[in-house]
PDB file of N, CA and C in Angstrom:
ATOM      1  N   MET A   1      73.566-117.210  23.860  1.00  0.00           N
ATOM      2  CA  MET A   1      74.778-116.264  23.877  1.00  0.00           C
ATOM      3  C   MET A   1      75.961-117.095  23.253  1.00  0.00           C
ATOM      4  N   MET A   2      76.703-116.459  22.416  1.00  0.00           N
ATOM      5  CA  MET A   2      77.806-117.061  21.768  1.00  0.00           C
ATOM      6  C   MET A   2      79.112-116.649  22.444  1.00  0.00           C
ATOM      7  N   ASN A   3      79.993-117.632  22.732  1.00  0.00           N
ATOM      8  CA  ASN A   3      81.310-117.315  23.277  1.00  0.00           C
ATOM      9  C   ASN A   3      82.237-117.083  22.097  1.00  0.00           C
ATOM     10  N   THR A   4      83.121-116.155  22.327  1.00  0.00           N
ATOM     11  CA  THR A   4      84.046-115.783  21.286  1.00  0.00           C
ATOM     12  C   THR A   4      85.492-115.727  21.944  1.00  0.00           C
ATOM     13  N   TYR A   5      86.418-116.475  21.347  1.00  0.00           N
ATOM     14  CA  TYR A   5      87.848-116.391  21.879  1.00  0.00           C
ATOM     15  C   TYR A   5      88.478-115.024  21.557  1.00  0.00           C
ATOM     16  N   VAL A   6      89.166-114.524  22.524  1.00  0.00           N
ATOM     17  CA  VAL A   6      89.918-113.242  22.295  1.00  0.00           C
ATOM     18  C   VAL A   6      91.370-113.572  22.738  1.00  0.00           C
ATOM     19  N   ASN A   7      92.327-112.880  22.113  1.00  0.00           N
ATOM     20  CA  ASN A   7      93.690-112.994  22.545  1.00  0.00           C
ATOM     21  C   ASN A   7      94.309-111.529  22.565  1.00  0.00           C
ATOM     22  N   ARG A   8      93.481-110.562  22.532  1.00  0.00           N
ATOM     23  CA  ARG A   8      93.969-109.215  22.646  1.00  0.00           C
ATOM     24  C   ARG A   8      92.907-108.318  23.347  1.00  0.00           C
ATOM     25  N   PHE A   9      93.370-107.290  23.949  1.00  0.00           N
ATOM     26  CA  PHE A   9      92.383-106.292  24.447  1.00  0.00           C
ATOM     27  C   PHE A   9      93.138-104.941  24.570  1.00  0.00           C
ATOM     28  N   SER A  10      92.345-103.954  24.457  1.00  0.00           N
ATOM     29  CA  SER A  10      92.888-102.543  24.680  1.00  0.00           C
ATOM     30  C   SER A  10      91.845-101.776  25.469  1.00  0.00           C
ATOM     31  N   PHE A  11      92.257-100.742  26.144  1.00  0.00           N
ATOM     32  CA  PHE A  11      91.329 -99.928  26.807  1.00  0.00           C
ATOM     33  C   PHE A  11      91.728 -98.469  26.746  1.00  0.00           C
ATOM     34  N   ALA A  12      90.742 -97.636  27.049  1.00  0.00           N
ATOM     35  CA  ALA A  12      90.949 -96.193  27.062  1.00  0.00           C
ATOM     36  C   ALA A  12      90.067 -95.582  28.162  1.00  0.00           C
ATOM     37  N   LEU A  13      90.518 -94.538  28.747  1.00  0.00           N
ATOM     38  CA  LEU A  13      89.810 -93.765  29.789  1.00  0.00           C
ATOM     39  C   LEU A  13      89.373 -92.417  29.169  1.00  0.00           C
ATOM     40  N   ASN A  14      88.188 -91.926  29.542  1.00  0.00           N
ATOM     41  CA  ASN A  14      87.905 -90.556  29.100  1.00  0.00           C
ATOM     42  C   ASN A  14      88.611 -89.565  29.862  1.00  0.00           C
ATOM     43  N   ASP A  15      88.614 -88.270  29.581  1.00  0.00           N
ATOM     44  CA  ASP A  15      89.360 -87.259  30.205  1.00  0.00           C
ATOM     45  C   ASP A  15      89.129 -87.145  31.688  1.00  0.00           C
ATOM     46  N   ARG A  16      87.892 -87.419  32.140  1.00  0.00           N
ATOM     47  CA  ARG A  16      87.648 -87.373  33.611  1.00  0.00           C
ATOM     48  C   ARG A  16      87.941 -88.683  34.318  1.00  0.00           C
ATOM     49  N   LYS A  17      88.244 -89.671  33.562  1.00  0.00           N
ATOM     50  CA  LYS A  17      88.581 -91.032  34.135  1.00  0.00           C
ATOM     51  C   LYS A  17      87.402 -91.627  34.876  1.00  0.00           C
ATOM     52  N   ASP A  18      86.193 -91.301  34.387  1.00  0.00           N
ATOM     53  CA  ASP A  18      84.995 -91.918  35.016  1.00  0.00           C
ATOM     54  C   ASP A  18      84.298 -92.868  34.104  1.00  0.00           C
ATOM     55  N   GLU A  19      84.799 -93.052  32.876  1.00  0.00           N
ATOM     56  CA  GLU A  19      84.322 -94.091  31.964  1.00  0.00           C
ATOM     57  C   GLU A  19      85.472 -94.765  31.320  1.00  0.00           C
ATOM     58  N   VAL A  20      85.277 -96.063  31.119  1.00  0.00           N
ATOM     59  CA  VAL A  20      86.353 -96.936  30.494  1.00  0.00           C
ATOM     60  C   VAL A  20      85.735 -97.556  29.220  1.00  0.00           C
ATOM     61  N   THR A  21      86.513 -97.565  28.159  1.00  0.00           N
ATOM     62  CA  THR A  21      86.175 -98.305  26.969  1.00  0.00           C
ATOM     63  C   THR A  21      87.166 -99.465  26.873  1.00  0.00           C
ATOM     64  N   ILE A  22      86.623-100.680  26.639  1.00  0.00           N
ATOM     65  CA  ILE A  22      87.496-101.948  26.475  1.00  0.00           C
ATOM     66  C   ILE A  22      87.110-102.528  25.177  1.00  0.00           C
ATOM     67  N   VAL A  23      88.057-102.771  24.352  1.00  0.00           N
ATOM     68  CA  VAL A  23      87.908-103.495  23.064  1.00  0.00           C
ATOM     69  C   VAL A  23      88.572-104.856  23.186  1.00  0.00           C
ATOM     70  N   PHE A  24      87.826-105.912  22.997  1.00  0.00           N
ATOM     71  CA  PHE A  24      88.314-107.269  22.958  1.00  0.00           C
ATOM     72  C   PHE A  24      88.429-107.679  21.568  1.00  0.00           C
ATOM     73  N   ALA A  25      89.570-108.287  21.245  1.00  0.00           N
ATOM     74  CA  ALA A  25      89.844-108.653  19.805  1.00  0.00           C
ATOM     75  C   ALA A  25      90.556-109.891  19.724  1.00  0.00           C
ATOM     76  N   GLN A  26      90.687-110.417  18.428  1.00  0.00           N
ATOM     77  CA  GLN A  26      91.504-111.590  18.212  1.00  0.00           C
ATOM     78  C   GLN A  26      92.380-111.277  16.968  1.00  0.00           C
ATOM     79  N   ASP A  27      93.560-111.898  17.028  1.00  0.00           N
ATOM     80  CA  ASP A  27      94.399-112.006  15.867  1.00  0.00           C
ATOM     81  C   ASP A  27      93.930-113.257  15.075  1.00  0.00           C
ATOM     82  N   ALA A  28      93.426-113.019  13.923  1.00  0.00           N
ATOM     83  CA  ALA A  28      92.899-114.122  13.099  1.00  0.00           C
ATOM     84  C   ALA A  28      93.777-114.405  11.914  1.00  0.00           C
ATOM     85  N   PRO A  29      94.452-115.501  11.898  1.00  0.00           N
ATOM     86  CA  PRO A  29      95.322-115.845  10.793  1.00  0.00           C
ATOM     87  C   PRO A  29      94.549-116.152   9.512  1.00  0.00           C
ATOM     88  N   GLN A  30      95.098-115.734   8.390  1.00  0.00           N
ATOM     89  CA  GLN A  30      94.641-116.053   7.006  1.00  0.00           C
ATOM     90  C   GLN A  30      95.569-117.097   6.428  1.00  0.00           C
ATOM     91  N   PHE A  31      94.985-118.157   6.045  1.00  0.00           N
ATOM     92  CA  PHE A  31      95.846-119.286   5.486  1.00  0.00           C
ATOM     93  C   PHE A  31      95.818-119.388   3.983  1.00  0.00           C
ATOM     94  N   ALA A  32      96.991-119.699   3.445  1.00  0.00           N
ATOM     95  CA  ALA A  32      97.144-119.957   2.026  1.00  0.00           C
ATOM     96  C   ALA A  32      96.593-121.386   1.767  1.00  0.00           C
ATOM     97  N   SER A  33      96.404-121.734   0.508  1.00  0.00           N
ATOM     98  CA  SER A  33      95.961-123.066   0.189  1.00  0.00           C
ATOM     99  C   SER A  33      96.889-124.207   0.619  1.00  0.00           C
ATOM    100  N   ASN A  34      98.209-123.862   0.808  1.00  0.00           N
ATOM    101  CA  ASN A  34      99.136-124.886   1.284  1.00  0.00           C
ATOM    102  C   ASN A  34      99.134-124.972   2.806  1.00  0.00           C
ATOM    103  N   GLY A  35      98.323-124.149   3.487  1.00  0.00           N
ATOM    104  CA  GLY A  35      98.289-124.182   4.924  1.00  0.00           C
ATOM    105  C   GLY A  35      99.109-123.248   5.665  1.00  0.00           C
ATOM    106  N   ALA A  36     100.000-122.508   4.937  1.00  0.00           N
ATOM    107  CA  ALA A  36     100.869-121.492   5.524  1.00  0.00           C
ATOM    108  C   ALA A  36     100.091-120.248   5.922  1.00  0.00           C
ATOM    109  N   ILE A  37     100.450-119.601   6.957  1.00  0.00           N
ATOM    110  CA  ILE A  37      99.810-118.342   7.307  1.00  0.00           C
ATOM    111  C   ILE A  37     100.286-117.248   6.427  1.00  0.00           C
ATOM    112  N   GLU A  38      99.359-116.582   5.673  1.00  0.00           N
ATOM    113  CA  GLU A  38      99.717-115.479   4.790  1.00  0.00           C
ATOM    114  C   GLU A  38      99.848-114.155   5.571  1.00  0.00           C
ATOM    115  N   LYS A  39      98.831-113.926   6.423  1.00  0.00           N
ATOM    116  CA  LYS A  39      98.786-112.714   7.204  1.00  0.00           C
ATOM    117  C   LYS A  39      97.889-112.923   8.418  1.00  0.00           C
ATOM    118  N   VAL A  40      97.991-112.006   9.358  1.00  0.00           N
ATOM    119  CA  VAL A  40      97.140-112.070  10.541  1.00  0.00           C
ATOM    120  C   VAL A  40      96.351-110.782  10.613  1.00  0.00           C
ATOM    121  N   ASP A  41      94.979-110.935  10.665  1.00  0.00           N
ATOM    122  CA  ASP A  41      94.097-109.790  10.754  1.00  0.00           C
ATOM    123  C   ASP A  41      93.743-109.501  12.250  1.00  0.00           C
ATOM    124  N   TYR A  42      93.730-108.282  12.566  1.00  0.00           N
ATOM    125  CA  TYR A  42      93.193-107.826  13.924  1.00  0.00           C
ATOM    126  C   TYR A  42      91.665-107.620  13.793  1.00  0.00           C
ATOM    127  N   GLU A  43      90.896-108.425  14.545  1.00  0.00           N
ATOM    128  CA  GLU A  43      89.465-108.401  14.418  1.00  0.00           C
ATOM    129  C   GLU A  43      88.804-108.081  15.784  1.00  0.00           C
ATOM    130  N   PRO A  44      88.292-106.810  15.952  1.00  0.00           N
ATOM    131  CA  PRO A  44      87.558-106.568  17.206  1.00  0.00           C
ATOM    132  C   PRO A  44      86.318-107.441  17.264  1.00  0.00           C
ATOM    133  N   VAL A  45      86.046-108.016  18.387  1.00  0.00           N
ATOM    134  CA  VAL A  45      84.866-108.886  18.530  1.00  0.00           C
ATOM    135  C   VAL A  45      83.877-108.308  19.611  1.00  0.00           C
ATOM    136  N   ALA A  46      84.288-107.362  20.449  1.00  0.00           N
ATOM    137  CA  ALA A  46      83.328-106.832  21.462  1.00  0.00           C
ATOM    138  C   ALA A  46      83.939-105.508  21.849  1.00  0.00           C
ATOM    139  N   ASN A  47      83.094-104.452  21.977  1.00  0.00           N
ATOM    140  CA  ASN A  47      83.488-103.161  22.505  1.00  0.00           C
ATOM    141  C   ASN A  47      82.558-102.851  23.654  1.00  0.00           C
ATOM    142  N   LEU A  48      83.108-102.589  24.828  1.00  0.00           N
ATOM    143  CA  LEU A  48      82.445-102.232  25.960  1.00  0.00           C
ATOM    144  C   LEU A  48      82.670-100.909  26.553  1.00  0.00           C
ATOM    145  N   VAL A  49      81.724-100.174  27.010  1.00  0.00           N
ATOM    146  CA  VAL A  49      81.872 -98.911  27.674  1.00  0.00           C
ATOM    147  C   VAL A  49      81.260 -98.965  29.000  1.00  0.00           C
ATOM    148  N   MET A  50      81.996 -98.700  30.087  1.00  0.00           N
ATOM    149  CA  MET A  50      81.411 -98.874  31.420  1.00  0.00           C
ATOM    150  C   MET A  50      81.954 -97.776  32.340  1.00  0.00           C
ATOM    151  N   SER A  51      81.243 -97.629  33.444  1.00  0.00           N
ATOM    152  CA  SER A  51      81.630 -96.540  34.349  1.00  0.00           C
ATOM    153  C   SER A  51      82.949 -97.043  35.054  1.00  0.00           C
ATOM    154  N   GLN A  52      83.627 -96.109  35.728  1.00  0.00           N
ATOM    155  CA  GLN A  52      84.829 -96.419  36.439  1.00  0.00           C
ATOM    156  C   GLN A  52      84.514 -97.443  37.602  1.00  0.00           C
ATOM    157  N   HIS A  53      83.386 -97.268  38.200  1.00  0.00           N
ATOM    158  CA  HIS A  53      83.009 -98.196  39.261  1.00  0.00           C
ATOM    159  C   HIS A  53      82.849 -99.579  38.669  1.00  0.00           C
ATOM    160  N   MET A  54      82.181 -99.783  37.542  1.00  0.00           N
ATOM    161  CA  MET A  54      82.005-101.104  37.057  1.00  0.00           C
ATOM    162  C   MET A  54      83.355-101.684  36.511  1.00  0.00           C
ATOM    163  N   ALA A  55      84.165-100.917  35.978  1.00  0.00           N
ATOM    164  CA  ALA A  55      85.477-101.359  35.543  1.00  0.00           C
ATOM    165  C   ALA A  55      86.348-101.867  36.748  1.00  0.00           C
ATOM    166  N   SER A  56      86.295-101.108  37.862  1.00  0.00           N
ATOM    167  CA  SER A  56      87.008-101.458  39.093  1.00  0.00           C
ATOM    168  C   SER A  56      86.472-102.778  39.631  1.00  0.00           C
ATOM    169  N   GLU A  57      85.150-102.958  39.632  1.00  0.00           N
ATOM    170  CA  GLU A  57      84.556-104.172  40.125  1.00  0.00           C
ATOM    171  C   GLU A  57      84.930-105.382  39.182  1.00  0.00           C
ATOM    172  N   LEU A  58      84.905-105.137  37.916  1.00  0.00           N
ATOM    173  CA  LEU A  58      85.377-106.191  36.949  1.00  0.00           C
ATOM    174  C   LEU A  58      86.782-106.622  37.246  1.00  0.00           C
ATOM    175  N   ALA A  59      87.632-105.664  37.368  1.00  0.00           N
ATOM    176  CA  ALA A  59      89.096-105.933  37.598  1.00  0.00           C
ATOM    177  C   ALA A  59      89.212-106.718  38.916  1.00  0.00           C
ATOM    178  N   LYS A  60      88.499-106.267  39.968  1.00  0.00           N
ATOM    179  CA  LYS A  60      88.548-106.889  41.243  1.00  0.00           C
ATOM    180  C   LYS A  60      88.060-108.278  41.214  1.00  0.00           C
ATOM    181  N   LYS A  61      86.956-108.589  40.545  1.00  0.00           N
ATOM    182  CA  LYS A  61      86.396-109.922  40.456  1.00  0.00           C
ATOM    183  C   LYS A  61      87.301-110.797  39.637  1.00  0.00           C
ATOM    184  N   LEU A  62      87.888-110.357  38.547  1.00  0.00           N
ATOM    185  CA  LEU A  62      88.821-111.164  37.721  1.00  0.00           C
ATOM    186  C   LEU A  62      90.067-111.567  38.613  1.00  0.00           C
ATOM    187  N   LEU A  63      90.636-110.570  39.345  1.00  0.00           N
ATOM    188  CA  LEU A  63      91.705-110.928  40.107  1.00  0.00           C
ATOM    189  C   LEU A  63      91.409-111.880  41.244  1.00  0.00           C
ATOM    190  N   GLU A  64      90.334-111.797  41.853  1.00  0.00           N
ATOM    191  CA  GLU A  64      89.895-112.725  42.811  1.00  0.00           C
ATOM    192  C   GLU A  64      89.726-114.110  42.316  1.00  0.00           C
ATOM    193  N   ALA A  65      89.113-114.243  41.134  1.00  0.00           N
ATOM    194  CA  ALA A  65      88.944-115.516  40.511  1.00  0.00           C
ATOM    195  C   ALA A  65      90.287-116.102  40.055  1.00  0.00           C
ATOM    196  N   LEU A  66      91.142-115.257  39.535  1.00  0.00           N
ATOM    197  CA  LEU A  66      92.437-115.763  39.023  1.00  0.00           C
ATOM    198  C   LEU A  66      93.314-116.148  40.219  1.00  0.00           C
ATOM    199  N   ASN A  67      93.152-115.548  41.359  1.00  0.00           N
ATOM    200  CA  ASN A  67      93.959-115.916  42.480  1.00  0.00           C
ATOM    201  C   ASN A  67      93.351-117.006  43.402  1.00  0.00           C
ATOM    202  N   GLY A  68      92.253-117.690  42.813  1.00  0.00           N
ATOM    203  CA  GLY A  68      91.679-118.862  43.470  1.00  0.00           C
ATOM    204  C   GLY A  68      90.634-118.617  44.497  1.00  0.00           C
ATOM    205  N   ASP A  69      90.120-117.394  44.583  1.00  0.00           N
ATOM    206  CA  ASP A  69      89.040-117.067  45.568  1.00  0.00           C
ATOM    207  C   ASP A  69      87.674-117.521  44.977  1.00  0.00           C
ATOM    208  N   ASP A  70      87.230-118.663  45.531  1.00  0.00           N
ATOM    209  CA  ASP A  70      86.001-119.236  45.069  1.00  0.00           C
ATOM    210  C   ASP A  70      84.776-118.387  45.076  1.00  0.00           C
ATOM    211  N   THR A  71      84.764-117.409  46.076  1.00  0.00           N
ATOM    212  CA  THR A  71      83.670-116.575  46.201  1.00  0.00           C
ATOM    213  C   THR A  71      83.483-115.639  45.020  1.00  0.00           C
ATOM    214  N   ALA A  72      84.655-115.323  44.254  1.00  0.00           N
ATOM    215  CA  ALA A  72      84.538-114.532  43.115  1.00  0.00           C
ATOM    216  C   ALA A  72      83.751-115.199  41.974  1.00  0.00           C
ATOM    217  N   LEU A  73      83.599-116.496  42.010  1.00  0.00           N
ATOM    218  CA  LEU A  73      82.963-117.242  40.946  1.00  0.00           C
ATOM    219  C   LEU A  73      81.404-117.244  41.151  1.00  0.00           C
ATOM    220  N   ILE A  74      80.957-116.803  42.274  1.00  0.00           N
ATOM    221  CA  ILE A  74      79.504-116.674  42.488  1.00  0.00           C
ATOM    222  C   ILE A  74      79.003-115.496  41.720  1.00  0.00           C
ATOM    223  N   GLU A  75      77.914-115.696  40.927  1.00  0.00           N
ATOM    224  CA  GLU A  75      77.326-114.681  40.150  1.00  0.00           C
ATOM    225  C   GLU A  75      76.796-113.569  41.073  1.00  0.00           C
ATOM    226  N   THR A  76      77.400-112.434  41.181  1.00  0.00           N
ATOM    227  CA  THR A  76      76.990-111.306  42.017  1.00  0.00           C
ATOM    228  C   THR A  76      76.800-110.125  41.123  1.00  0.00           C
ATOM    229  N   PRO A  77      75.610-109.673  40.901  1.00  0.00           N
ATOM    230  CA  PRO A  77      75.433-108.487  40.029  1.00  0.00           C
ATOM    231  C   PRO A  77      76.109-107.270  40.736  1.00  0.00           C
ATOM    232  N   VAL A  78      76.747-106.465  39.940  1.00  0.00           N
ATOM    233  CA  VAL A  78      77.301-105.225  40.452  1.00  0.00           C
ATOM    234  C   VAL A  78      76.458-104.042  39.835  1.00  0.00           C
ATOM    235  N   GLN A  79      76.141-103.094  40.691  1.00  0.00           N
ATOM    236  CA  GLN A  79      75.330-101.979  40.225  1.00  0.00           C
ATOM    237  C   GLN A  79      76.025-100.706  40.565  1.00  0.00           C
TER     238      GLN A  79
END
């Protein structure tokens, strides 16, 4: 599996709010021959569609991990 750096994301909910689409992307600079940045391209790198339940569990696990809860770092499959 390849890791890809992202520095942007966007998401959308369907009308019933029972599915979430998340797009992870990166701003990729294009350099001139002198090393100056000429432009920055927006490049989507992953598109995910998941149920509302899965999105909620993802958000919960991320918050737990970011707040220092070590139990969030244990691989626990969510179904």
